């Protein structure tokens, strides 16, 4: 992944993870796997786990500890009402930026 892509992804990864959690609750490794399935193969698990800590601290998700077949319980993240509001704001901002970028790309029309 190029430097420009990495920098853009830093600014949008929180919204991407919230969008994944809007589909259904998930634990850290599962979120990383979904990101990879979506083509974000270069995202490190550590990056995802650090992001999950931040969105938990911001109160955007509810966390439940679920027993695991192997090892300690897993933390399962569920998007809560505040997280859904944040995600809606992310999509509004994304739409605004995407529209303006498309206009610029088309020569300012």
PDB file of N, CA and C in Angstrom:
ATOM      1  N   UNK A   1       0.852  -1.171   0.000  1.00  0.00           N
ATOM      2  CA  UNK A   1       0.000   0.000   0.000  1.00  0.00           C
ATOM      3  C   UNK A   1       0.896   1.231   0.000  1.00  0.00           C
ATOM      4  N   UNK A   2       0.562   2.185  -0.825  1.00  0.00           N
ATOM      5  CA  UNK A   2       1.347   3.393  -0.922  1.00  0.00           C
ATOM      6  C   UNK A   2       1.116   4.328   0.253  1.00  0.00           C
ATOM      7  N   UNK A   3       2.028   5.286   0.409  1.00  0.00           N
ATOM      8  CA  UNK A   3       1.947   6.231   1.531  1.00  0.00           C
ATOM      9  C   UNK A   3       0.652   7.036   1.499  1.00  0.00           C
ATOM     10  N   UNK A   4       0.251   7.468   0.305  1.00  0.00           N
ATOM     11  CA  UNK A   4      -0.975   8.261   0.195  1.00  0.00           C
ATOM     12  C   UNK A   4      -2.190   7.445   0.640  1.00  0.00           C
ATOM     13  N   UNK A   5      -2.248   6.184   0.217  1.00  0.00           N
ATOM     14  CA  UNK A   5      -3.353   5.313   0.621  1.00  0.00           C
ATOM     15  C   UNK A   5      -3.348   5.099   2.134  1.00  0.00           C
ATOM     16  N   UNK A   6      -2.173   4.896   2.699  1.00  0.00           N
ATOM     17  CA  UNK A   6      -2.057   4.691   4.144  1.00  0.00           C
ATOM     18  C   UNK A   6      -2.584   5.903   4.899  1.00  0.00           C
ATOM     19  N   UNK A   7      -2.214   7.094   4.461  1.00  0.00           N
ATOM     20  CA  UNK A   7      -2.664   8.315   5.125  1.00  0.00           C
ATOM     21  C   UNK A   7      -4.177   8.503   5.001  1.00  0.00           C
ATOM     22  N   UNK A   8      -4.726   8.219   3.832  1.00  0.00           N
ATOM     23  CA  UNK A   8      -6.177   8.345   3.648  1.00  0.00           C
ATOM     24  C   UNK A   8      -6.914   7.335   4.511  1.00  0.00           C
ATOM     25  N   UNK A   9      -6.374   6.142   4.591  1.00  0.00           N
ATOM     26  CA  UNK A   9      -7.004   5.087   5.382  1.00  0.00           C
ATOM     27  C   UNK A   9      -7.021   5.440   6.863  1.00  0.00           C
ATOM     28  N   UNK A  10      -5.974   6.094   7.350  1.00  0.00           N
ATOM     29  CA  UNK A  10      -5.941   6.511   8.755  1.00  0.00           C
ATOM     30  C   UNK A  10      -7.139   7.385   9.089  1.00  0.00           C
ATOM     31  N   UNK A  11      -7.518   8.230   8.169  1.00  0.00           N
ATOM     32  CA  UNK A  11      -8.632   9.141   8.409  1.00  0.00           C
ATOM     33  C   UNK A  11      -9.999   8.511   8.277  1.00  0.00           C
ATOM     34  N   UNK A  12     -10.075   7.346   7.685  1.00  0.00           N
ATOM     35  CA  UNK A  12     -11.387   6.739   7.429  1.00  0.00           C
ATOM     36  C   UNK A  12     -11.587   5.386   8.119  1.00  0.00           C
ATOM     37  N   UNK A  13     -10.531   4.837   8.704  1.00  0.00           N
ATOM     38  CA  UNK A  13     -10.629   3.485   9.254  1.00  0.00           C
ATOM     39  C   UNK A  13     -11.674   3.365  10.358  1.00  0.00           C
ATOM     40  N   UNK A  14     -11.804   4.381  11.186  1.00  0.00           N
ATOM     41  CA  UNK A  14     -12.813   4.316  12.245  1.00  0.00           C
ATOM     42  C   UNK A  14     -14.210   4.158  11.633  1.00  0.00           C
ATOM     43  N   UNK A  15     -14.519   4.950  10.628  1.00  0.00           N
ATOM     44  CA  UNK A  15     -15.817   4.844   9.970  1.00  0.00           C
ATOM     45  C   UNK A  15     -16.010   3.488   9.306  1.00  0.00           C
ATOM     46  N   UNK A  16     -14.949   2.956   8.719  1.00  0.00           N
ATOM     47  CA  UNK A  16     -15.030   1.643   8.076  1.00  0.00           C
ATOM     48  C   UNK A  16     -15.342   0.568   9.106  1.00  0.00           C
ATOM     49  N   UNK A  17     -14.669   0.615  10.251  1.00  0.00           N
ATOM     50  CA  UNK A  17     -14.916  -0.376  11.309  1.00  0.00           C
ATOM     51  C   UNK A  17     -16.326  -0.215  11.869  1.00  0.00           C
ATOM     52  N   UNK A  18     -16.772   1.008  12.053  1.00  0.00           N
ATOM     53  CA  UNK A  18     -18.155   1.208  12.522  1.00  0.00           C
ATOM     54  C   UNK A  18     -19.153   0.643  11.516  1.00  0.00           C
ATOM     55  N   UNK A  19     -18.870   0.804  10.221  1.00  0.00           N
ATOM     56  CA  UNK A  19     -19.756   0.248   9.188  1.00  0.00           C
ATOM     57  C   UNK A  19     -19.784  -1.275   9.257  1.00  0.00           C
ATOM     58  N   UNK A  20     -18.648  -1.886   9.522  1.00  0.00           N
ATOM     59  CA  UNK A  20     -18.591  -3.348   9.681  1.00  0.00           C
ATOM     60  C   UNK A  20     -19.433  -3.767  10.878  1.00  0.00           C
ATOM     61  N   UNK A  21     -19.304  -3.032  11.983  1.00  0.00           N
ATOM     62  CA  UNK A  21     -20.068  -3.375  13.183  1.00  0.00           C
ATOM     63  C   UNK A  21     -21.555  -3.081  13.037  1.00  0.00           C
ATOM     64  N   UNK A  22     -21.921  -2.197  12.113  1.00  0.00           N
ATOM     65  CA  UNK A  22     -23.339  -1.925  11.869  1.00  0.00           C
ATOM     66  C   UNK A  22     -24.029  -3.143  11.261  1.00  0.00           C
ATOM     67  N   UNK A  23     -23.246  -3.987  10.603  1.00  0.00           N
ATOM     68  CA  UNK A  23     -23.809  -5.196   9.993  1.00  0.00           C
ATOM     69  C   UNK A  23     -24.115  -6.260  11.038  1.00  0.00           C
ATOM     70  N   UNK A  24     -23.182  -6.421  11.981  1.00  0.00           N
ATOM     71  CA  UNK A  24     -23.390  -7.362  13.088  1.00  0.00           C
ATOM     72  C   UNK A  24     -22.226  -7.242  14.068  1.00  0.00           C
ATOM     73  N   UNK A  25     -22.450  -7.620  15.328  1.00  0.00           N
ATOM     74  CA  UNK A  25     -21.371  -7.577  16.319  1.00  0.00           C
ATOM     75  C   UNK A  25     -20.206  -8.468  15.894  1.00  0.00           C
ATOM     76  N   UNK A  26     -19.008  -8.113  16.360  1.00  0.00           N
ATOM     77  CA  UNK A  26     -17.825  -8.893  15.994  1.00  0.00           C
ATOM     78  C   UNK A  26     -16.724  -8.671  17.021  1.00  0.00           C
ATOM     79  N   UNK A  27     -15.778  -9.595  17.037  1.00  0.00           N
ATOM     80  CA  UNK A  27     -14.594  -9.451  17.879  1.00  0.00           C
ATOM     81  C   UNK A  27     -13.423  -9.018  16.998  1.00  0.00           C
ATOM     82  N   UNK A  28     -12.324  -8.622  17.619  1.00  0.00           N
ATOM     83  CA  UNK A  28     -11.207  -8.004  16.915  1.00  0.00           C
ATOM     84  C   UNK A  28     -10.687  -8.749  15.712  1.00  0.00           C
ATOM     85  N   UNK A  29     -10.374 -10.039  15.888  1.00  0.00           N
ATOM     86  CA  UNK A  29      -9.822 -10.797  14.764  1.00  0.00           C
ATOM     87  C   UNK A  29     -10.838 -10.903  13.632  1.00  0.00           C
ATOM     88  N   UNK A  30     -12.100 -11.045  13.982  1.00  0.00           N
ATOM     89  CA  UNK A  30     -13.161 -11.143  12.971  1.00  0.00           C
ATOM     90  C   UNK A  30     -13.265  -9.838  12.164  1.00  0.00           C
ATOM     91  N   UNK A  31     -13.123  -8.709  12.836  1.00  0.00           N
ATOM     92  CA  UNK A  31     -13.145  -7.414  12.150  1.00  0.00           C
ATOM     93  C   UNK A  31     -11.970  -7.315  11.188  1.00  0.00           C
ATOM     94  N   UNK A  32     -10.791  -7.728  11.654  1.00  0.00           N
ATOM     95  CA  UNK A  32      -9.599  -7.720  10.789  1.00  0.00           C
ATOM     96  C   UNK A  32      -9.819  -8.605   9.572  1.00  0.00           C
ATOM     97  N   UNK A  33     -10.409  -9.782   9.770  1.00  0.00           N
ATOM     98  CA  UNK A  33     -10.681 -10.696   8.656  1.00  0.00           C
ATOM     99  C   UNK A  33     -11.663 -10.067   7.671  1.00  0.00           C
ATOM    100  N   UNK A  34     -12.688  -9.382   8.172  1.00  0.00           N
ATOM    101  CA  UNK A  34     -13.655  -8.723   7.287  1.00  0.00           C
ATOM    102  C   UNK A  34     -12.982  -7.616   6.481  1.00  0.00           C
ATOM    103  N   UNK A  35     -12.100  -6.865   7.138  1.00  0.00           N
ATOM    104  CA  UNK A  35     -11.349  -5.823   6.427  1.00  0.00           C
ATOM    105  C   UNK A  35     -10.535  -6.438   5.300  1.00  0.00           C
ATOM    106  N   UNK A  36      -9.871  -7.535   5.584  1.00  0.00           N
ATOM    107  CA  UNK A  36      -9.064  -8.210   4.563  1.00  0.00           C
ATOM    108  C   UNK A  36      -9.940  -8.726   3.432  1.00  0.00           C
ATOM    109  N   UNK A  37     -11.112  -9.240   3.778  1.00  0.00           N
ATOM    110  CA  UNK A  37     -12.048  -9.705   2.746  1.00  0.00           C
ATOM    111  C   UNK A  37     -12.488  -8.558   1.836  1.00  0.00           C
ATOM    112  N   UNK A  38     -12.503  -7.343   2.385  1.00  0.00           N
ATOM    113  CA  UNK A  38     -12.907  -6.154   1.624  1.00  0.00           C
ATOM    114  C   UNK A  38     -11.748  -5.540   0.853  1.00  0.00           C
ATOM    115  N   UNK A  39     -10.569  -6.182   0.920  1.00  0.00           N
ATOM    116  CA  UNK A  39      -9.422  -5.689   0.159  1.00  0.00           C
ATOM    117  C   UNK A  39      -8.416  -4.879   0.950  1.00  0.00           C
ATOM    118  N   UNK A  40      -8.638  -4.724   2.239  1.00  0.00           N
ATOM    119  CA  UNK A  40      -7.700  -3.993   3.089  1.00  0.00           C
ATOM    120  C   UNK A  40      -6.699  -4.964   3.707  1.00  0.00           C
ATOM    121  N   UNK A  41      -5.934  -5.614   2.855  1.00  0.00           N
ATOM    122  CA  UNK A  41      -5.047  -6.699   3.291  1.00  0.00           C
ATOM    123  C   UNK A  41      -3.874  -6.226   4.126  1.00  0.00           C
ATOM    124  N   UNK A  42      -3.473  -4.983   3.984  1.00  0.00           N
ATOM    125  CA  UNK A  42      -2.276  -4.502   4.666  1.00  0.00           C
ATOM    126  C   UNK A  42      -2.540  -3.937   6.060  1.00  0.00           C
ATOM    127  N   UNK A  43      -3.760  -3.967   6.522  1.00  0.00           N
ATOM    128  CA  UNK A  43      -4.059  -3.426   7.853  1.00  0.00           C
ATOM    129  C   UNK A  43      -3.633  -4.445   8.904  1.00  0.00           C
ATOM    130  N   UNK A  44      -2.778  -3.998   9.800  1.00  0.00           N
ATOM    131  CA  UNK A  44      -2.268  -4.876  10.859  1.00  0.00           C
ATOM    132  C   UNK A  44      -3.318  -5.060  11.953  1.00  0.00           C
ATOM    133  N   UNK A  45      -3.311  -6.235  12.557  1.00  0.00           N
ATOM    134  CA  UNK A  45      -4.245  -6.498  13.649  1.00  0.00           C
ATOM    135  C   UNK A  45      -4.073  -5.489  14.772  1.00  0.00           C
ATOM    136  N   UNK A  46      -2.825  -5.117  15.060  1.00  0.00           N
ATOM    137  CA  UNK A  46      -2.561  -4.145  16.121  1.00  0.00           C
ATOM    138  C   UNK A  46      -3.246  -2.816  15.870  1.00  0.00           C
ATOM    139  N   UNK A  47      -3.324  -2.417  14.617  1.00  0.00           N
ATOM    140  CA  UNK A  47      -4.008  -1.173  14.249  1.00  0.00           C
ATOM    141  C   UNK A  47      -5.490  -1.284  14.575  1.00  0.00           C
ATOM    142  N   UNK A  48      -6.076  -2.430  14.259  1.00  0.00           N
ATOM    143  CA  UNK A  48      -7.504  -2.640  14.525  1.00  0.00           C
ATOM    144  C   UNK A  48      -7.771  -2.666  16.021  1.00  0.00           C
ATOM    145  N   UNK A  49      -6.918  -3.376  16.778  1.00  0.00           N
ATOM    146  CA  UNK A  49      -7.134  -3.455  18.221  1.00  0.00           C
ATOM    147  C   UNK A  49      -6.992  -2.087  18.883  1.00  0.00           C
ATOM    148  N   UNK A  50      -6.037  -1.282  18.451  1.00  0.00           N
ATOM    149  CA  UNK A  50      -5.883   0.075  18.995  1.00  0.00           C
ATOM    150  C   UNK A  50      -7.117   0.922  18.674  1.00  0.00           C
ATOM    151  N   UNK A  51      -7.652   0.772  17.471  1.00  0.00           N
ATOM    152  CA  UNK A  51      -8.853   1.491  17.080  1.00  0.00           C
ATOM    153  C   UNK A  51     -10.044   1.057  17.928  1.00  0.00           C
ATOM    154  N   UNK A  52     -10.154  -0.237  18.198  1.00  0.00           N
ATOM    155  CA  UNK A  52     -11.257  -0.732  19.023  1.00  0.00           C
ATOM    156  C   UNK A  52     -11.202  -0.151  20.435  1.00  0.00           C
ATOM    157  N   UNK A  53     -10.011  -0.019  20.981  1.00  0.00           N
ATOM    158  CA  UNK A  53      -9.856   0.602  22.298  1.00  0.00           C
ATOM    159  C   UNK A  53     -10.367   2.048  22.239  1.00  0.00           C
ATOM    160  N   UNK A  54      -9.999   2.775  21.185  1.00  0.00           N
ATOM    161  CA  UNK A  54     -10.434   4.177  21.052  1.00  0.00           C
ATOM    162  C   UNK A  54     -11.946   4.296  20.923  1.00  0.00           C
ATOM    163  N   UNK A  55     -12.557   3.458  20.083  1.00  0.00           N
ATOM    164  CA  UNK A  55     -14.012   3.608  19.909  1.00  0.00           C
ATOM    165  C   UNK A  55     -14.767   3.138  21.158  1.00  0.00           C
ATOM    166  N   UNK A  56     -14.162   2.217  21.905  1.00  0.00           N
ATOM    167  CA  UNK A  56     -14.768   1.825  23.182  1.00  0.00           C
ATOM    168  C   UNK A  56     -14.686   2.990  24.167  1.00  0.00           C
ATOM    169  N   UNK A  57     -13.544   3.645  24.246  1.00  0.00           N
ATOM    170  CA  UNK A  57     -13.366   4.778  25.146  1.00  0.00           C
ATOM    171  C   UNK A  57     -14.275   5.943  24.765  1.00  0.00           C
ATOM    172  N   UNK A  58     -14.549   6.108  23.483  1.00  0.00           N
ATOM    173  CA  UNK A  58     -15.429   7.183  23.016  1.00  0.00           C
ATOM    174  C   UNK A  58     -16.903   6.847  23.240  1.00  0.00           C
ATOM    175  N   UNK A  59     -17.202   5.626  23.657  1.00  0.00           N
ATOM    176  CA  UNK A  59     -18.574   5.227  23.935  1.00  0.00           C
ATOM    177  C   UNK A  59     -19.398   4.910  22.705  1.00  0.00           C
ATOM    178  N   UNK A  60     -18.723   4.487  21.608  1.00  0.00           N
ATOM    179  CA  UNK A  60     -19.428   4.196  20.358  1.00  0.00           C
ATOM    180  C   UNK A  60     -19.875   2.749  20.238  1.00  0.00           C
ATOM    181  N   UNK A  61     -19.373   1.902  21.122  1.00  0.00           N
ATOM    182  CA  UNK A  61     -19.699   0.476  21.076  1.00  0.00           C
ATOM    183  C   UNK A  61     -19.985  -0.028  22.475  1.00  0.00           C
ATOM    184  N   UNK A  62     -20.755  -1.097  22.533  1.00  0.00           N
ATOM    185  CA  UNK A  62     -20.929  -1.854  23.763  1.00  0.00           C
ATOM    186  C   UNK A  62     -20.050  -3.083  23.632  1.00  0.00           C
ATOM    187  N   UNK A  63     -19.481  -3.525  24.744  1.00  0.00           N
ATOM    188  CA  UNK A  63     -18.546  -4.643  24.717  1.00  0.00           C
ATOM    189  C   UNK A  63     -19.040  -5.733  25.657  1.00  0.00           C
ATOM    190  N   UNK A  64     -19.049  -6.951  25.146  1.00  0.00           N
ATOM    191  CA  UNK A  64     -19.412  -8.114  25.957  1.00  0.00           C
ATOM    192  C   UNK A  64     -18.274  -9.123  25.883  1.00  0.00           C
ATOM    193  N   UNK A  65     -17.994  -9.739  26.993  1.00  0.00           N
ATOM    194  CA  UNK A  65     -16.985 -10.804  27.009  1.00  0.00           C
ATOM    195  C   UNK A  65     -17.713 -12.130  26.779  1.00  0.00           C
ATOM    196  N   UNK A  66     -17.293 -12.821  25.722  1.00  0.00           N
ATOM    197  CA  UNK A  66     -17.935 -14.067  25.323  1.00  0.00           C
ATOM    198  C   UNK A  66     -16.911 -15.187  25.438  1.00  0.00           C
ATOM    199  N   UNK A  67     -17.292 -16.304  26.078  1.00  0.00           N
ATOM    200  CA  UNK A  67     -16.343 -17.411  26.213  1.00  0.00           C
ATOM    201  C   UNK A  67     -15.814 -17.874  24.851  1.00  0.00           C
ATOM    202  N   UNK A  68     -14.553 -18.246  24.846  1.00  0.00           N
ATOM    203  CA  UNK A  68     -13.901 -18.722  23.629  1.00  0.00           C
ATOM    204  C   UNK A  68     -13.542 -20.185  23.798  1.00  0.00           C
ATOM    205  N   UNK A  69     -13.591 -20.933  22.704  1.00  0.00           N
ATOM    206  CA  UNK A  69     -13.209 -22.343  22.755  1.00  0.00           C
ATOM    207  C   UNK A  69     -11.735 -22.499  23.101  1.00  0.00           C
ATOM    208  N   UNK A  70     -10.954 -21.507  22.671  1.00  0.00           N
ATOM    209  CA  UNK A  70      -9.519 -21.520  22.925  1.00  0.00           C
ATOM    210  C   UNK A  70      -9.129 -20.228  23.611  1.00  0.00           C
ATOM    211  N   UNK A  71      -8.524 -20.326  24.751  1.00  0.00           N
ATOM    212  CA  UNK A  71      -8.006 -19.145  25.415  1.00  0.00           C
ATOM    213  C   UNK A  71      -9.034 -18.358  26.196  1.00  0.00           C
ATOM    214  N   UNK A  72      -8.673 -17.107  26.493  1.00  0.00           N
ATOM    215  CA  UNK A  72      -9.540 -16.256  27.317  1.00  0.00           C
ATOM    216  C   UNK A  72     -10.796 -15.829  26.561  1.00  0.00           C
ATOM    217  N   UNK A  73     -11.767 -15.266  27.281  1.00  0.00           N
ATOM    218  CA  UNK A  73     -12.987 -14.784  26.609  1.00  0.00           C
ATOM    219  C   UNK A  73     -12.661 -13.721  25.560  1.00  0.00           C
ATOM    220  N   UNK A  74     -13.471 -13.685  24.527  1.00  0.00           N
ATOM    221  CA  UNK A  74     -13.318 -12.675  23.469  1.00  0.00           C
ATOM    222  C   UNK A  74     -14.162 -11.465  23.810  1.00  0.00           C
ATOM    223  N   UNK A  75     -13.658 -10.299  23.425  1.00  0.00           N
ATOM    224  CA  UNK A  75     -14.438  -9.068  23.550  1.00  0.00           C
ATOM    225  C   UNK A  75     -15.207  -8.895  22.243  1.00  0.00           C
ATOM    226  N   UNK A  76     -16.528  -8.943  22.343  1.00  0.00           N
ATOM    227  CA  UNK A  76     -17.382  -8.766  21.173  1.00  0.00           C
ATOM    228  C   UNK A  76     -17.936  -7.343  21.211  1.00  0.00           C
ATOM    229  N   UNK A  77     -17.743  -6.637  20.103  1.00  0.00           N
ATOM    230  CA  UNK A  77     -18.127  -5.233  19.995  1.00  0.00           C
ATOM    231  C   UNK A  77     -19.445  -5.117  19.248  1.00  0.00           C
ATOM    232  N   UNK A  78     -20.362  -4.339  19.816  1.00  0.00           N
ATOM    233  CA  UNK A  78     -21.658  -4.079  19.206  1.00  0.00           C
ATOM    234  C   UNK A  78     -21.830  -2.576  19.077  1.00  0.00           C
ATOM    235  N   UNK A  79     -22.200  -2.127  17.901  1.00  0.00           N
ATOM    236  CA  UNK A  79     -22.432  -0.705  17.678  1.00  0.00           C
ATOM    237  C   UNK A  79     -23.652  -0.277  18.491  1.00  0.00           C
ATOM    238  N   UNK A  80     -23.505   0.786  19.269  1.00  0.00           N
ATOM    239  CA  UNK A  80     -24.632   1.279  20.055  1.00  0.00           C
ATOM    240  C   UNK A  80     -25.224   2.531  19.380  1.00  0.00           C
ATOM    241  N   UNK A  81     -26.200   3.152  20.033  1.00  0.00           N
ATOM    242  CA  UNK A  81     -26.887   4.309  19.433  1.00  0.00           C
ATOM    243  C   UNK A  81     -25.913   5.450  19.137  1.00  0.00           C
ATOM    244  N   UNK A  82     -25.011   5.712  20.054  1.00  0.00           N
ATOM    245  CA  UNK A  82     -24.028   6.785  19.825  1.00  0.00           C
ATOM    246  C   UNK A  82     -23.117   6.441  18.645  1.00  0.00           C
ATOM    247  N   UNK A  83     -22.749   5.170  18.540  1.00  0.00           N
ATOM    248  CA  UNK A  83     -21.925   4.729  17.419  1.00  0.00           C
ATOM    249  C   UNK A  83     -22.661   4.850  16.096  1.00  0.00           C
ATOM    250  N   UNK A  84     -23.956   4.552  16.103  1.00  0.00           N
ATOM    251  CA  UNK A  84     -24.758   4.694  14.876  1.00  0.00           C
ATOM    252  C   UNK A  84     -24.846   6.164  14.450  1.00  0.00           C
ATOM    253  N   UNK A  85     -24.965   7.056  15.414  1.00  0.00           N
ATOM    254  CA  UNK A  85     -24.979   8.487  15.097  1.00  0.00           C
ATOM    255  C   UNK A  85     -23.633   8.896  14.484  1.00  0.00           C
ATOM    256  N   UNK A  86     -22.563   8.415  15.074  1.00  0.00           N
ATOM    257  CA  UNK A  86     -21.226   8.723  14.564  1.00  0.00           C
ATOM    258  C   UNK A  86     -21.056   8.174  13.150  1.00  0.00           C
ATOM    259  N   UNK A  87     -21.565   6.975  12.916  1.00  0.00           N
ATOM    260  CA  UNK A  87     -21.486   6.362  11.592  1.00  0.00           C
ATOM    261  C   UNK A  87     -22.301   7.157  10.575  1.00  0.00           C
ATOM    262  N   UNK A  88     -23.483   7.615  10.964  1.00  0.00           N
ATOM    263  CA  UNK A  88     -24.303   8.444  10.059  1.00  0.00           C
ATOM    264  C   UNK A  88     -23.552   9.721   9.681  1.00  0.00           C
ATOM    265  N   UNK A  89     -22.893  10.337  10.664  1.00  0.00           N
ATOM    266  CA  UNK A  89     -22.102  11.542  10.394  1.00  0.00           C
ATOM    267  C   UNK A  89     -20.940  11.212   9.453  1.00  0.00           C
ATOM    268  N   UNK A  90     -20.301  10.062   9.664  1.00  0.00           N
ATOM    269  CA  UNK A  90     -19.219   9.631   8.776  1.00  0.00           C
ATOM    270  C   UNK A  90     -19.719   9.519   7.336  1.00  0.00           C
ATOM    271  N   UNK A  91     -20.887   8.878   7.134  1.00  0.00           N
ATOM    272  CA  UNK A  91     -21.413   8.708   5.776  1.00  0.00           C
ATOM    273  C   UNK A  91     -21.800  10.055   5.155  1.00  0.00           C
ATOM    274  N   UNK A  92     -22.355  10.976   5.953  1.00  0.00           N
ATOM    275  CA  UNK A  92     -22.677  12.306   5.420  1.00  0.00           C
ATOM    276  C   UNK A  92     -21.407  13.026   4.973  1.00  0.00           C
ATOM    277  N   UNK A  93     -20.382  12.952   5.807  1.00  0.00           N
ATOM    278  CA  UNK A  93     -19.110  13.594   5.470  1.00  0.00           C
ATOM    279  C   UNK A  93     -18.486  12.933   4.256  1.00  0.00           C
ATOM    280  N   UNK A  94     -18.526  11.605   4.229  1.00  0.00           N
ATOM    281  CA  UNK A  94     -17.962  10.868   3.094  1.00  0.00           C
ATOM    282  C   UNK A  94     -18.667  11.256   1.796  1.00  0.00           C
ATOM    283  N   UNK A  95     -19.985  11.333   1.825  1.00  0.00           N
ATOM    284  CA  UNK A  95     -20.747  11.701   0.627  1.00  0.00           C
ATOM    285  C   UNK A  95     -20.389  13.095   0.148  1.00  0.00           C
ATOM    286  N   UNK A  96     -20.283  14.031   1.086  1.00  0.00           N
ATOM    287  CA  UNK A  96     -19.912  15.393   0.737  1.00  0.00           C
ATOM    288  C   UNK A  96     -18.541  15.415   0.054  1.00  0.00           C
ATOM    289  N   UNK A  97     -17.563  14.768   0.679  1.00  0.00           N
ATOM    290  CA  UNK A  97     -16.206  14.753   0.113  1.00  0.00           C
ATOM    291  C   UNK A  97     -16.165  14.035  -1.231  1.00  0.00           C
ATOM    292  N   UNK A  98     -16.850  12.899  -1.329  1.00  0.00           N
ATOM    293  CA  UNK A  98     -16.841  12.139  -2.586  1.00  0.00           C
ATOM    294  C   UNK A  98     -17.457  12.955  -3.718  1.00  0.00           C
ATOM    295  N   UNK A  99     -18.535  13.674  -3.431  1.00  0.00           N
ATOM    296  CA  UNK A  99     -19.168  14.527  -4.452  1.00  0.00           C
ATOM    297  C   UNK A  99     -18.214  15.625  -4.919  1.00  0.00           C
ATOM    298  N   UNK A 100     -17.570  16.290  -3.964  1.00  0.00           N
ATOM    299  CA  UNK A 100     -16.650  17.376  -4.329  1.00  0.00           C
ATOM    300  C   UNK A 100     -15.437  16.858  -5.098  1.00  0.00           C
ATOM    301  N   UNK A 101     -14.918  15.714  -4.688  1.00  0.00           N
ATOM    302  CA  UNK A 101     -13.784  15.122  -5.402  1.00  0.00           C
ATOM    303  C   UNK A 101     -14.173  14.712  -6.816  1.00  0.00           C
ATOM    304  N   UNK A 102     -15.370  14.171  -6.964  1.00  0.00           N
ATOM    305  CA  UNK A 102     -15.839  13.789  -8.307  1.00  0.00           C
ATOM    306  C   UNK A 102     -15.953  15.019  -9.199  1.00  0.00           C
ATOM    307  N   UNK A 103     -16.457  16.114  -8.638  1.00  0.00           N
ATOM    308  CA  UNK A 103     -16.555  17.351  -9.407  1.00  0.00           C
ATOM    309  C   UNK A 103     -15.169  17.836  -9.843  1.00  0.00           C
ATOM    310  N   UNK A 104     -14.221  17.799  -8.938  1.00  0.00           N
ATOM    311  CA  UNK A 104     -12.863  18.211  -9.268  1.00  0.00           C
ATOM    312  C   UNK A 104     -12.254  17.300 -10.326  1.00  0.00           C
ATOM    313  N   UNK A 105     -12.496  16.022 -10.184  1.00  0.00           N
ATOM    314  CA  UNK A 105     -11.970  15.040 -11.126  1.00  0.00           C
ATOM    315  C   UNK A 105     -12.546  15.241 -12.527  1.00  0.00           C
ATOM    316  N   UNK A 106     -13.798  15.683 -12.579  1.00  0.00           N
ATOM    317  CA  UNK A 106     -14.472  15.924 -13.861  1.00  0.00           C
ATOM    318  C   UNK A 106     -14.200  17.324 -14.405  1.00  0.00           C
ATOM    319  N   UNK A 107     -13.287  18.039 -13.795  1.00  0.00           N
ATOM    320  CA  UNK A 107     -12.924  19.362 -14.291  1.00  0.00           C
ATOM    321  C   UNK A 107     -13.696  20.495 -13.687  1.00  0.00           C
ATOM    322  N   UNK A 108     -14.271  20.266 -12.513  1.00  0.00           N
ATOM    323  CA  UNK A 108     -14.962  21.355 -11.819  1.00  0.00           C
ATOM    324  C   UNK A 108     -16.376  21.578 -12.248  1.00  0.00           C
ATOM    325  N   UNK A 109     -16.965  20.671 -12.998  1.00  0.00           N
ATOM    326  CA  UNK A 109     -18.353  20.833 -13.479  1.00  0.00           C
ATOM    327  C   UNK A 109     -19.349  20.664 -12.370  1.00  0.00           C
TER     328      UNK A 109
END
